[in-house]
Amino acid sequence: VQLRESGGGLVQPGGSLRLSCVASGFTFSQSGMRWYRQPPGKERELVAYISSGGAITDYANSVTGRFTISRDNAKATVYLQMNSLKREDTAVYSCNGGYAWQYWGQGTQVTVSS
């Protein structure tokens, strides 16, 4: 089983990034997926959720209206489109899924700085 994130990097405040998480080794299309983030020196927090079919999404208050979670089950990939980025969005972003939410990616660093 593997979850592999990509798309992180350094971006200026107000900029955008799109994160991707490619899954393998489990039935992706039957699994809800989540994006988490862990800012430096802080606890990990849930950012966004999407149901297995993609019809239901939910977001942390801090990112609502700026971030969009989506998925492509044919590609076993979940995305996180991040717009209007703020310095406080700086964190390691990880995807999570599978039965009982047991699978995690290694994370990708997002740094928002001028």
Protein backbone atom coordinates (compact mmCIF):
# COMPACT_ATOMS: atom_id res chain seq x y z
CA VAL A 1 0.00 0.00 0.00
CA GLN A 2 1.29 3.42 -0.89
CA LEU A 3 0.08 6.99 -0.82
CA ARG A 4 2.45 9.40 -2.54
CA GLU A 5 1.95 13.15 -2.36
CA SER A 6 3.43 15.72 -4.69
CA GLY A 7 2.98 19.33 -5.67
CA GLY A 8 4.28 21.11 -2.60
CA GLY A 9 6.75 23.95 -2.73
CA LEU A 10 7.41 27.59 -1.99
CA VAL A 11 4.71 30.09 -2.97
CA GLN A 12 4.07 33.75 -2.22
CA PRO A 13 1.08 34.84 -0.17
CA GLY A 14 -1.98 34.99 -2.40
CA GLY A 15 -0.62 32.31 -4.69
CA SER A 16 -1.91 28.85 -5.54
CA LEU A 17 -0.72 25.27 -5.46
CA ARG A 18 -2.30 21.96 -6.36
CA LEU A 19 -1.34 18.91 -4.35
CA SER A 20 -1.78 15.38 -5.65
CA CYS A 21 -1.86 12.07 -3.82
CA VAL A 22 -1.57 8.89 -5.86
CA ALA A 23 -2.79 5.71 -4.18
CA SER A 24 -1.91 2.10 -4.81
CA GLY A 25 -2.40 -1.23 -3.10
CA PHE A 26 -5.97 -0.80 -1.90
CA THR A 27 -9.38 -0.17 -3.44
CA PHE A 28 -9.14 3.59 -3.76
CA SER A 29 -12.58 4.01 -5.29
CA GLN A 30 -14.21 2.60 -2.17
CA SER A 31 -12.32 4.79 0.27
CA GLY A 32 -13.07 8.25 1.54
CA MET A 33 -9.93 10.38 1.52
CA ARG A 34 -8.63 13.15 3.72
CA TRP A 35 -5.95 15.81 3.57
CA TYR A 36 -4.23 16.73 6.80
CA ARG A 37 -1.56 19.29 7.54
CA GLN A 38 0.94 19.84 10.32
CA PRO A 39 2.29 23.36 10.72
CA PRO A 40 5.75 23.72 12.28
CA GLY A 41 5.59 23.21 16.04
CA LYS A 42 1.87 22.45 15.99
CA GLU A 43 -0.39 19.42 15.99
CA ARG A 44 -1.70 17.81 12.83
CA GLU A 45 -5.10 19.07 11.72
CA LEU A 46 -7.72 17.83 9.29
CA VAL A 47 -8.01 20.10 6.26
CA ALA A 48 -10.45 18.42 3.89
CA TYR A 49 -12.47 15.27 3.31
CA ILE A 50 -14.01 13.71 0.23
CA SER A 51 -16.30 10.69 0.05
CA SER A 52 -15.46 7.65 -2.03
CA GLY A 53 -17.56 8.77 -4.98
CA GLY A 54 -16.64 12.43 -4.62
CA ALA A 55 -20.17 13.67 -3.97
CA ILE A 56 -19.53 14.78 -0.40
CA THR A 57 -16.78 17.14 0.68
CA ASP A 58 -16.03 18.93 3.91
CA TYR A 59 -13.43 21.48 4.95
CA ALA A 60 -11.84 23.02 7.99
CA ASN A 61 -13.18 26.51 8.66
CA SER A 62 -9.73 27.97 8.09
CA VAL A 63 -9.63 26.84 4.45
CA THR A 64 -13.29 26.97 3.38
CA GLY A 65 -13.67 29.01 0.23
CA ARG A 66 -9.96 28.81 -0.59
CA PHE A 67 -9.21 25.07 -0.86
CA THR A 68 -10.97 22.47 -3.00
CA ILE A 69 -10.62 18.72 -2.63
CA SER A 70 -11.37 16.48 -5.60
CA ARG A 71 -10.58 13.00 -6.83
CA ASP A 72 -10.18 10.94 -9.97
CA ASN A 73 -10.96 7.33 -9.18
CA ALA A 74 -9.76 6.17 -12.60
CA LYS A 75 -6.32 7.53 -11.70
CA ALA A 76 -6.53 6.61 -7.99
CA THR A 77 -5.64 10.18 -7.20
CA VAL A 78 -6.95 12.78 -4.78
CA TYR A 79 -6.17 16.47 -5.23
CA LEU A 80 -6.11 19.55 -3.07
CA GLN A 81 -6.36 22.84 -4.95
CA MET A 82 -5.16 25.63 -2.69
CA ASN A 83 -5.86 29.23 -3.65
CA SER A 84 -5.32 32.55 -1.88
CA LEU A 85 -2.60 30.98 0.22
CA LYS A 86 -1.66 32.60 3.50
CA ARG A 87 1.49 32.35 5.60
CA GLU A 88 -0.45 30.33 8.14
CA ASP A 89 -1.05 27.63 5.51
CA THR A 90 2.63 26.70 5.77
CA ALA A 91 2.75 23.04 6.80
CA VAL A 92 3.51 19.50 5.76
CA TYR A 93 0.43 18.23 3.93
CA SER A 94 -0.40 14.52 4.00
CA CYS A 95 -3.15 12.41 2.50
CA ASN A 96 -4.94 9.70 4.44
CA GLY A 97 -7.34 6.94 3.50
CA GLY A 98 -8.14 3.28 3.35
CA TYR A 99 -10.11 1.02 5.67
CA ALA A 100 -10.21 2.56 9.17
CA TRP A 101 -8.10 5.43 7.81
CA GLN A 102 -5.00 3.33 8.22
CA TYR A 103 -2.91 4.54 5.29
CA TRP A 104 -0.80 7.69 5.22
CA GLY A 105 1.49 9.34 2.73
CA GLN A 106 4.91 10.71 3.61
CA GLY A 107 3.79 14.30 3.21
CA THR A 108 4.75 17.24 1.04
CA GLN A 109 6.00 20.59 2.33
CA VAL A 110 4.08 23.74 1.52
CA THR A 111 5.75 27.01 2.43
CA VAL A 112 3.95 30.31 1.97
CA SER A 113 6.40 33.18 2.19
CA SER A 114 7.43 36.32 0.39
